[in-house]
Each structure stands twice: as C-alpha cells, then as structure tokens.
Amino acid sequence: MKLTATKRTETGSSASRRAREEGMIPAAIYGREVETVAVLLNRKEFEMTLREVGANGVFDVEVDGDTYHVFVKEKTNAALKPEIYHVDLLAFTKGQKVNMTIPVYITGEEEIKEGIVSQSISELEVNVAPAEAPSEFTVDVSEMEIGDTKHVSDIAIDDSIELLSDTDSTVVSVSAPQIEEEPEPTADDEMPEPEVIGEDEDDSEE
C-alpha cells in the first residue's frame, strides 16, 4: 500500500486549518535514519489505508520521488468531532526494530456468569520490526472466576518481539459484585401518627 504525500510549504495553525478544510491532514515523517519531513496527506486515502493495513500496519509514503516505509506512531484527533488533526509517521529500514504500542483486547467476557471483569492495561510497549508486529494482543477471560487475575506474563508473545512493559502488571481481573445494603430505618425516618382533628371538641360537648 502506498500513499503520495506533498511537502508542506506553509506551517502554523492557520495553514493547518486551511489544509484540513481542503481535505488534507498535516503530518510529519521522521526516523532514526531520516530527516524529519513535514507533509500533507489526503484524508480519504489515509483513512482508507488504515482500514486496509490496520492501526499498526506498515505502508509506504512517497514524497517528491522518495519512498518511506512507515507506520503510524501517533495521531491526534479533534476534540469535538471525528476528525484526524495530525499524524506522526515513523520511518524505518528493513529489519530495523523500533518501539511500538500494541493494543490489548479481552475476549470471552460474555462467558462469565458471575463477577465483574476489569481491564487494567489496554496496550503493551514492545520493540519489534514493524513488518512483524501483531495488530493486537488478546486475552481470553472465558474461564476466569471471581478472584482470578491475568498478568502481562500470561500473554503469548512471539520470541521475535521484545516486551518492554512490566511482566508483573495486571491485565485483567474478575472481582465479586458489590452488594449495596439498604440502611436500617432510624427514628427520624418513622412516619408520625396522623392527628385526629376535632376529637377534643367532640369530647367537650358530651
């Protein structure tokens, strides 16, 4: 998959806003062996590329005849609408390992009939050749019970991947649901007996 980008000739918030209005995304290409290049990406083509290769997928970007092998290191989204504001693309050479963040998802949650599933970690930091990086890690919780936990060390990771996250960190746990006890009624909560109006007047007339 290859995208064609154009070098940015103008920078600053005003230029970025105009670029977004024209359907472009401001981006930066950088890496250990390349000079940082400020570019503009076609928003529709970029979003289509991400759908095809995945969030951590590798693709090529051509800028003025130079081709960069990249993946998305970071992207910034707009606060109030689903729009990408800026993208950082990390360039690498074949075989070079880089630090990447891989998302962690849990599966089998619907099989747990009792207990509350709590996920503590949603991503792992690894060092890997981008072309060999998995799109995600999954943790099966279907056989977990109340009191069970799974840690980073329980995730199956290929030998070609160097794990940078703490292996002792808890990824997911199952805890007992909290039962809220109803408070006991107090004297202030008791309803007063209704007053019988006119009772004294009737007694005085007899």
C-alpha atoms as a PDB file:
ATOM      1  CA  MET A   1       0.000   0.000   0.000  1.00  0.00           C
ATOM      2  CA  LYS A   2       1.445   3.360  -0.999  1.00  0.00           C
ATOM      3  CA  LEU A   3       0.305   6.912  -0.333  1.00  0.00           C
ATOM      4  CA  THR A   4       1.509  10.011  -2.114  1.00  0.00           C
ATOM      5  CA  ALA A   5       2.165  12.993   0.127  1.00  0.00           C
ATOM      6  CA  THR A   6       3.160  16.563  -0.633  1.00  0.00           C
ATOM      7  CA  LYS A   7       5.706  18.580   1.309  1.00  0.00           C
ATOM      8  CA  ARG A   8       4.267  21.347   3.434  1.00  0.00           C
ATOM      9  CA  THR A   9       5.326  24.774   2.223  1.00  0.00           C
ATOM     10  CA  GLU A  10       3.426  26.602   4.964  1.00  0.00           C
ATOM     11  CA  THR A  11       3.289  25.832   8.674  1.00  0.00           C
ATOM     12  CA  GLY A  12       1.348  27.221  11.613  1.00  0.00           C
ATOM     13  CA  SER A  13      -2.198  26.863  12.860  1.00  0.00           C
ATOM     14  CA  SER A  14      -3.757  28.931  10.079  1.00  0.00           C
ATOM     15  CA  ALA A  15      -2.063  26.890   7.343  1.00  0.00           C
ATOM     16  CA  SER A  16      -3.038  23.642   9.089  1.00  0.00           C
ATOM     17  CA  ARG A  17      -6.662  24.759   9.341  1.00  0.00           C
ATOM     18  CA  ARG A  18      -6.775  25.602   5.629  1.00  0.00           C
ATOM     19  CA  ALA A  19      -5.246  22.221   4.795  1.00  0.00           C
ATOM     20  CA  ARG A  20      -7.894  20.390   6.842  1.00  0.00           C
ATOM     21  CA  GLU A  21     -10.656  22.369   5.157  1.00  0.00           C
ATOM     22  CA  GLU A  22      -9.257  21.137   1.835  1.00  0.00           C
ATOM     23  CA  GLY A  23      -9.396  17.505   2.961  1.00  0.00           C
ATOM     24  CA  MET A  24      -5.721  17.161   3.909  1.00  0.00           C
ATOM     25  CA  ILE A  25      -4.054  16.038   7.149  1.00  0.00           C
ATOM     26  CA  PRO A  26      -0.839  17.681   8.386  1.00  0.00           C
ATOM     27  CA  ALA A  27       1.750  15.001   9.151  1.00  0.00           C
ATOM     28  CA  ALA A  28       5.413  14.524   9.983  1.00  0.00           C
ATOM     29  CA  ILE A  29       7.690  11.734   8.780  1.00  0.00           C
ATOM     30  CA  TYR A  30      10.713  11.063  10.980  1.00  0.00           C
ATOM     31  CA  GLY A  31      13.030   8.245  11.993  1.00  0.00           C
ATOM     32  CA  ARG A  32      16.466   7.224  13.144  1.00  0.00           C
ATOM     33  CA  GLU A  33      17.992   7.421   9.669  1.00  0.00           C
ATOM     34  CA  VAL A  34      15.853  10.112   8.007  1.00  0.00           C
ATOM     35  CA  GLU A  35      15.444  13.833   8.430  1.00  0.00           C
ATOM     36  CA  THR A  36      12.038  14.978   9.601  1.00  0.00           C
ATOM     37  CA  VAL A  37       9.767  15.901   6.703  1.00  0.00           C
ATOM     38  CA  ALA A  38       6.550  17.893   7.155  1.00  0.00           C
ATOM     39  CA  VAL A  39       3.913  16.700   4.674  1.00  0.00           C
ATOM     40  CA  LEU A  40       0.227  16.759   3.850  1.00  0.00           C
ATOM     41  CA  LEU A  41      -1.791  13.537   3.436  1.00  0.00           C
ATOM     42  CA  ASN A  42      -5.082  13.148   1.633  1.00  0.00           C
ATOM     43  CA  ARG A  43      -7.557  12.395   4.418  1.00  0.00           C
ATOM     44  CA  LYS A  44      -9.702   9.903   2.483  1.00  0.00           C
ATOM     45  CA  GLU A  45      -6.677   7.996   1.163  1.00  0.00           C
ATOM     46  CA  PHE A  46      -5.077   7.896   4.611  1.00  0.00           C
ATOM     47  CA  GLU A  47      -8.228   6.620   6.320  1.00  0.00           C
ATOM     48  CA  MET A  48      -8.655   4.013   3.587  1.00  0.00           C
ATOM     49  CA  THR A  49      -5.058   2.876   4.113  1.00  0.00           C
ATOM     50  CA  LEU A  50      -5.589   2.469   7.871  1.00  0.00           C
ATOM     51  CA  ARG A  51      -8.708   0.395   7.264  1.00  0.00           C
ATOM     52  CA  GLU A  52      -6.709  -1.867   4.972  1.00  0.00           C
ATOM     53  CA  VAL A  53      -3.458  -2.302   6.944  1.00  0.00           C
ATOM     54  CA  GLY A  54      -4.760  -1.778  10.477  1.00  0.00           C
ATOM     55  CA  ALA A  55      -3.771   0.716  13.162  1.00  0.00           C
ATOM     56  CA  ASN A  56      -0.230  -0.700  13.451  1.00  0.00           C
ATOM     57  CA  GLY A  57       0.124  -1.698   9.819  1.00  0.00           C
ATOM     58  CA  VAL A  58       3.079  -0.807   7.621  1.00  0.00           C
ATOM     59  CA  PHE A  59       2.699   1.156   4.399  1.00  0.00           C
ATOM     60  CA  ASP A  60       4.744   3.347   2.049  1.00  0.00           C
ATOM     61  CA  VAL A  61       4.582   7.096   1.611  1.00  0.00           C
ATOM     62  CA  GLU A  62       6.090   8.728  -1.465  1.00  0.00           C
ATOM     63  CA  VAL A  63       7.275  12.334  -1.166  1.00  0.00           C
ATOM     64  CA  ASP A  64       8.874  14.033  -4.184  1.00  0.00           C
ATOM     65  CA  GLY A  65      10.160  10.716  -5.525  1.00  0.00           C
ATOM     66  CA  ASP A  66      11.454   9.435  -2.179  1.00  0.00           C
ATOM     67  CA  THR A  67       9.663   6.457  -0.637  1.00  0.00           C
ATOM     68  CA  TYR A  68       9.441   5.979   3.131  1.00  0.00           C
ATOM     69  CA  HIS A  69       8.416   2.742   4.851  1.00  0.00           C
ATOM     70  CA  VAL A  70       6.322   3.941   7.791  1.00  0.00           C
ATOM     71  CA  PHE A  71       3.733   3.130  10.411  1.00  0.00           C
ATOM     72  CA  VAL A  72       1.563   5.433  12.495  1.00  0.00           C
ATOM     73  CA  LYS A  73       3.436   6.322  15.656  1.00  0.00           C
ATOM     74  CA  GLU A  74       0.803   8.735  16.903  1.00  0.00           C
ATOM     75  CA  LYS A  75      -2.266  10.526  15.626  1.00  0.00           C
ATOM     76  CA  THR A  76      -4.171  13.390  17.188  1.00  0.00           C
ATOM     77  CA  ASN A  77      -7.932  13.577  16.821  1.00  0.00           C
ATOM     78  CA  ALA A  78     -10.200  16.592  17.072  1.00  0.00           C
ATOM     79  CA  ALA A  79     -11.862  17.038  20.444  1.00  0.00           C
ATOM     80  CA  LEU A  80     -15.438  17.611  19.305  1.00  0.00           C
ATOM     81  CA  LYS A  81     -15.701  15.734  16.005  1.00  0.00           C
ATOM     82  CA  PRO A  82     -14.314  12.510  14.471  1.00  0.00           C
ATOM     83  CA  GLU A  83     -11.519  14.154  12.527  1.00  0.00           C
ATOM     84  CA  ILE A  84      -7.770  13.448  12.496  1.00  0.00           C
ATOM     85  CA  TYR A  85      -5.838  16.637  13.205  1.00  0.00           C
ATOM     86  CA  HIS A  86      -2.233  15.483  12.884  1.00  0.00           C
ATOM     87  CA  VAL A  87      -0.251  12.287  12.255  1.00  0.00           C
ATOM     88  CA  ASP A  88       3.275  11.255  13.213  1.00  0.00           C
ATOM     89  CA  LEU A  89       4.728   8.624  10.870  1.00  0.00           C
ATOM     90  CA  LEU A  90       7.830   6.745  11.996  1.00  0.00           C
ATOM     91  CA  ALA A  91      10.093   5.745   9.092  1.00  0.00           C
ATOM     92  CA  PHE A  92      12.278   2.645   9.341  1.00  0.00           C
ATOM     93  CA  THR A  93      14.563   0.484   7.235  1.00  0.00           C
ATOM     94  CA  LYS A  94      14.061  -3.216   6.517  1.00  0.00           C
ATOM     95  CA  GLY A  95      14.860  -5.347   9.549  1.00  0.00           C
ATOM     96  CA  GLN A  96      15.184  -2.377  11.888  1.00  0.00           C
ATOM     97  CA  LYS A  97      13.400  -2.791  15.224  1.00  0.00           C
ATOM     98  CA  VAL A  98      11.520   0.096  16.785  1.00  0.00           C
ATOM     99  CA  ASN A  99       9.389   0.684  19.860  1.00  0.00           C
ATOM    100  CA  MET A 100       5.700   0.207  19.156  1.00  0.00           C
ATOM    101  CA  THR A 101       2.499   0.273  21.185  1.00  0.00           C
ATOM    102  CA  ILE A 102       0.239  -2.724  20.582  1.00  0.00           C
ATOM    103  CA  PRO A 103      -3.384  -2.697  21.833  1.00  0.00           C
ATOM    104  CA  VAL A 104      -4.636  -5.411  24.199  1.00  0.00           C
ATOM    105  CA  TYR A 105      -8.203  -6.715  23.911  1.00  0.00           C
ATOM    106  CA  ILE A 106     -10.098  -9.214  26.059  1.00  0.00           C
ATOM    107  CA  THR A 107     -12.355 -11.954  24.695  1.00  0.00           C
ATOM    108  CA  GLY A 108     -14.841 -14.347  26.269  1.00  0.00           C
ATOM    109  CA  GLU A 109     -16.263 -11.803  28.688  1.00  0.00           C
ATOM    110  CA  GLU A 110     -19.793 -12.948  27.844  1.00  0.00           C
ATOM    111  CA  GLU A 111     -18.985 -16.439  29.232  1.00  0.00           C
ATOM    112  CA  ILE A 112     -18.536 -15.122  32.771  1.00  0.00           C
ATOM    113  CA  LYS A 113     -21.863 -15.534  34.547  1.00  0.00           C
ATOM    114  CA  GLU A 114     -20.792 -14.099  37.891  1.00  0.00           C
ATOM    115  CA  GLY A 115     -18.274 -11.401  38.676  1.00  0.00           C
ATOM    116  CA  ILE A 116     -17.114  -8.094  37.266  1.00  0.00           C
ATOM    117  CA  VAL A 117     -14.356  -8.074  34.635  1.00  0.00           C
ATOM    118  CA  SER A 118     -11.915  -5.164  34.982  1.00  0.00           C
ATOM    119  CA  GLN A 119      -9.223  -4.496  32.360  1.00  0.00           C
ATOM    120  CA  SER A 120      -6.258  -2.593  33.800  1.00  0.00           C
ATOM    121  CA  ILE A 121      -3.971  -2.449  30.749  1.00  0.00           C
ATOM    122  CA  SER A 122      -5.149  -1.627  27.226  1.00  0.00           C
ATOM    123  CA  GLU A 123      -1.777  -1.666  25.424  1.00  0.00           C
ATOM    124  CA  LEU A 124       1.748  -3.060  25.599  1.00  0.00           C
ATOM    125  CA  GLU A 125       5.037  -1.420  24.678  1.00  0.00           C
ATOM    126  CA  VAL A 126       7.268  -3.672  22.576  1.00  0.00           C
ATOM    127  CA  ASN A 127      10.411  -3.499  20.469  1.00  0.00           C
ATOM    128  CA  VAL A 128       9.896  -5.225  17.127  1.00  0.00           C
ATOM    129  CA  ALA A 129      10.429  -4.968  13.388  1.00  0.00           C
ATOM    130  CA  PRO A 130       7.243  -3.167  12.253  1.00  0.00           C
ATOM    131  CA  ALA A 131       6.564  -5.672   9.496  1.00  0.00           C
ATOM    132  CA  GLU A 132       6.482  -8.446  12.130  1.00  0.00           C
ATOM    133  CA  ALA A 133       4.393  -6.572  14.684  1.00  0.00           C
ATOM    134  CA  PRO A 134       0.998  -8.049  15.574  1.00  0.00           C
ATOM    135  CA  SER A 135      -2.038  -5.843  15.105  1.00  0.00           C
ATOM    136  CA  GLU A 136      -3.189  -6.677  18.651  1.00  0.00           C
ATOM    137  CA  PHE A 137      -2.825  -8.973  21.642  1.00  0.00           C
ATOM    138  CA  THR A 138      -5.856 -10.831  23.017  1.00  0.00           C
ATOM    139  CA  VAL A 139      -6.536 -12.247  26.468  1.00  0.00           C
ATOM    140  CA  ASP A 140      -9.215 -14.949  26.875  1.00  0.00           C
ATOM    141  CA  VAL A 141     -11.163 -14.483  30.121  1.00  0.00           C
ATOM    142  CA  SER A 142     -13.912 -17.045  29.479  1.00  0.00           C
ATOM    143  CA  GLU A 143     -12.655 -19.486  32.141  1.00  0.00           C
ATOM    144  CA  MET A 144     -11.777 -16.918  34.781  1.00  0.00           C
ATOM    145  CA  GLU A 145     -13.641 -16.842  38.093  1.00  0.00           C
ATOM    146  CA  ILE A 146     -14.039 -14.356  40.921  1.00  0.00           C
ATOM    147  CA  GLY A 147     -10.610 -13.641  42.396  1.00  0.00           C
ATOM    148  CA  ASP A 148      -8.686 -14.619  39.246  1.00  0.00           C
ATOM    149  CA  THR A 149      -6.205 -12.266  37.589  1.00  0.00           C
ATOM    150  CA  LYS A 150      -4.098 -12.393  34.440  1.00  0.00           C
ATOM    151  CA  HIS A 151      -0.826 -10.546  34.104  1.00  0.00           C
ATOM    152  CA  VAL A 152       1.279  -9.354  31.193  1.00  0.00           C
ATOM    153  CA  SER A 153       3.374 -12.520  31.606  1.00  0.00           C
ATOM    154  CA  ASP A 154       0.281 -14.601  30.717  1.00  0.00           C
ATOM    155  CA  ILE A 155       0.082 -13.103  27.209  1.00  0.00           C
ATOM    156  CA  ALA A 156       1.578 -15.254  24.462  1.00  0.00           C
ATOM    157  CA  ILE A 157       4.257 -13.178  22.743  1.00  0.00           C
ATOM    158  CA  ASP A 158       6.454 -14.339  19.867  1.00  0.00           C
ATOM    159  CA  ASP A 159      10.165 -14.720  20.541  1.00  0.00           C
ATOM    160  CA  SER A 160      10.960 -12.119  17.872  1.00  0.00           C
ATOM    161  CA  ILE A 161       9.224  -9.468  19.987  1.00  0.00           C
ATOM    162  CA  GLU A 162      10.964  -7.815  22.926  1.00  0.00           C
ATOM    163  CA  LEU A 163       8.475  -6.910  25.618  1.00  0.00           C
ATOM    164  CA  LEU A 164       9.143  -3.541  27.266  1.00  0.00           C
ATOM    165  CA  SER A 165       6.119  -3.424  29.585  1.00  0.00           C
ATOM    166  CA  ASP A 166       6.330  -4.800  33.127  1.00  0.00           C
ATOM    167  CA  THR A 167       5.501  -8.529  33.071  1.00  0.00           C
ATOM    168  CA  ASP A 168       4.048  -8.383  36.590  1.00  0.00           C
ATOM    169  CA  SER A 169       1.426  -5.781  35.681  1.00  0.00           C
ATOM    170  CA  THR A 170      -2.183  -6.953  35.923  1.00  0.00           C
ATOM    171  CA  VAL A 171      -4.010  -7.004  32.606  1.00  0.00           C
ATOM    172  CA  VAL A 172      -7.453  -8.180  33.700  1.00  0.00           C
ATOM    173  CA  SER A 173      -9.147  -9.345  36.895  1.00  0.00           C
ATOM    174  CA  VAL A 174     -12.524 -10.676  37.974  1.00  0.00           C
ATOM    175  CA  SER A 175     -13.991  -9.365  41.207  1.00  0.00           C
ATOM    176  CA  ALA A 176     -17.179 -10.059  43.138  1.00  0.00           C
ATOM    177  CA  PRO A 177     -20.048  -7.653  42.507  1.00  0.00           C
ATOM    178  CA  GLN A 178     -20.664  -5.202  45.325  1.00  0.00           C
ATOM    179  CA  ILE A 179     -23.985  -5.641  47.095  1.00  0.00           C
ATOM    180  CA  GLU A 180     -25.394  -2.431  48.432  1.00  0.00           C
ATOM    181  CA  GLU A 181     -27.046  -2.899  51.826  1.00  0.00           C
ATOM    182  CA  GLU A 182     -30.175  -0.882  52.474  1.00  0.00           C
ATOM    183  CA  PRO A 183     -29.777   1.360  55.534  1.00  0.00           C
ATOM    184  CA  GLU A 184     -31.810   0.441  58.617  1.00  0.00           C
ATOM    185  CA  PRO A 185     -34.639   2.870  59.382  1.00  0.00           C
ATOM    186  CA  THR A 186     -33.968   5.362  62.160  1.00  0.00           C
ATOM    187  CA  ALA A 187     -36.320   7.222  64.477  1.00  0.00           C
ATOM    188  CA  ASP A 188     -36.205  10.219  62.159  1.00  0.00           C
ATOM    189  CA  ASP A 189     -37.363   8.027  59.264  1.00  0.00           C
ATOM    190  CA  GLU A 190     -40.526   6.810  61.066  1.00  0.00           C
ATOM    191  CA  MET A 191     -43.737   8.410  59.891  1.00  0.00           C
ATOM    192  CA  PRO A 192     -45.636  10.351  62.610  1.00  0.00           C
ATOM    193  CA  GLU A 193     -49.123   9.130  63.501  1.00  0.00           C
ATOM    194  CA  PRO A 194     -51.827  11.270  61.905  1.00  0.00           C
ATOM    195  CA  GLU A 195     -53.545  13.744  64.200  1.00  0.00           C
ATOM    196  CA  VAL A 196     -57.315  13.355  64.562  1.00  0.00           C
ATOM    197  CA  ILE A 197     -58.779  16.765  64.029  1.00  0.00           C
ATOM    198  CA  GLY A 198     -61.828  17.691  66.092  1.00  0.00           C
ATOM    199  CA  GLU A 199     -61.525  14.847  68.622  1.00  0.00           C
ATOM    200  CA  ASP A 200     -61.201  17.168  71.644  1.00  0.00           C
ATOM    201  CA  GLU A 201     -64.138  19.326  70.563  1.00  0.00           C
ATOM    202  CA  ASP A 202     -66.443  16.272  70.351  1.00  0.00           C
ATOM    203  CA  ASP A 203     -65.456  15.110  73.881  1.00  0.00           C
ATOM    204  CA  SER A 204     -66.202  18.516  75.428  1.00  0.00           C
ATOM    205  CA  GLU A 205     -69.726  18.623  74.016  1.00  0.00           C
ATOM    206  CA  GLU A 206     -70.807  15.295  75.596  1.00  0.00           C
END
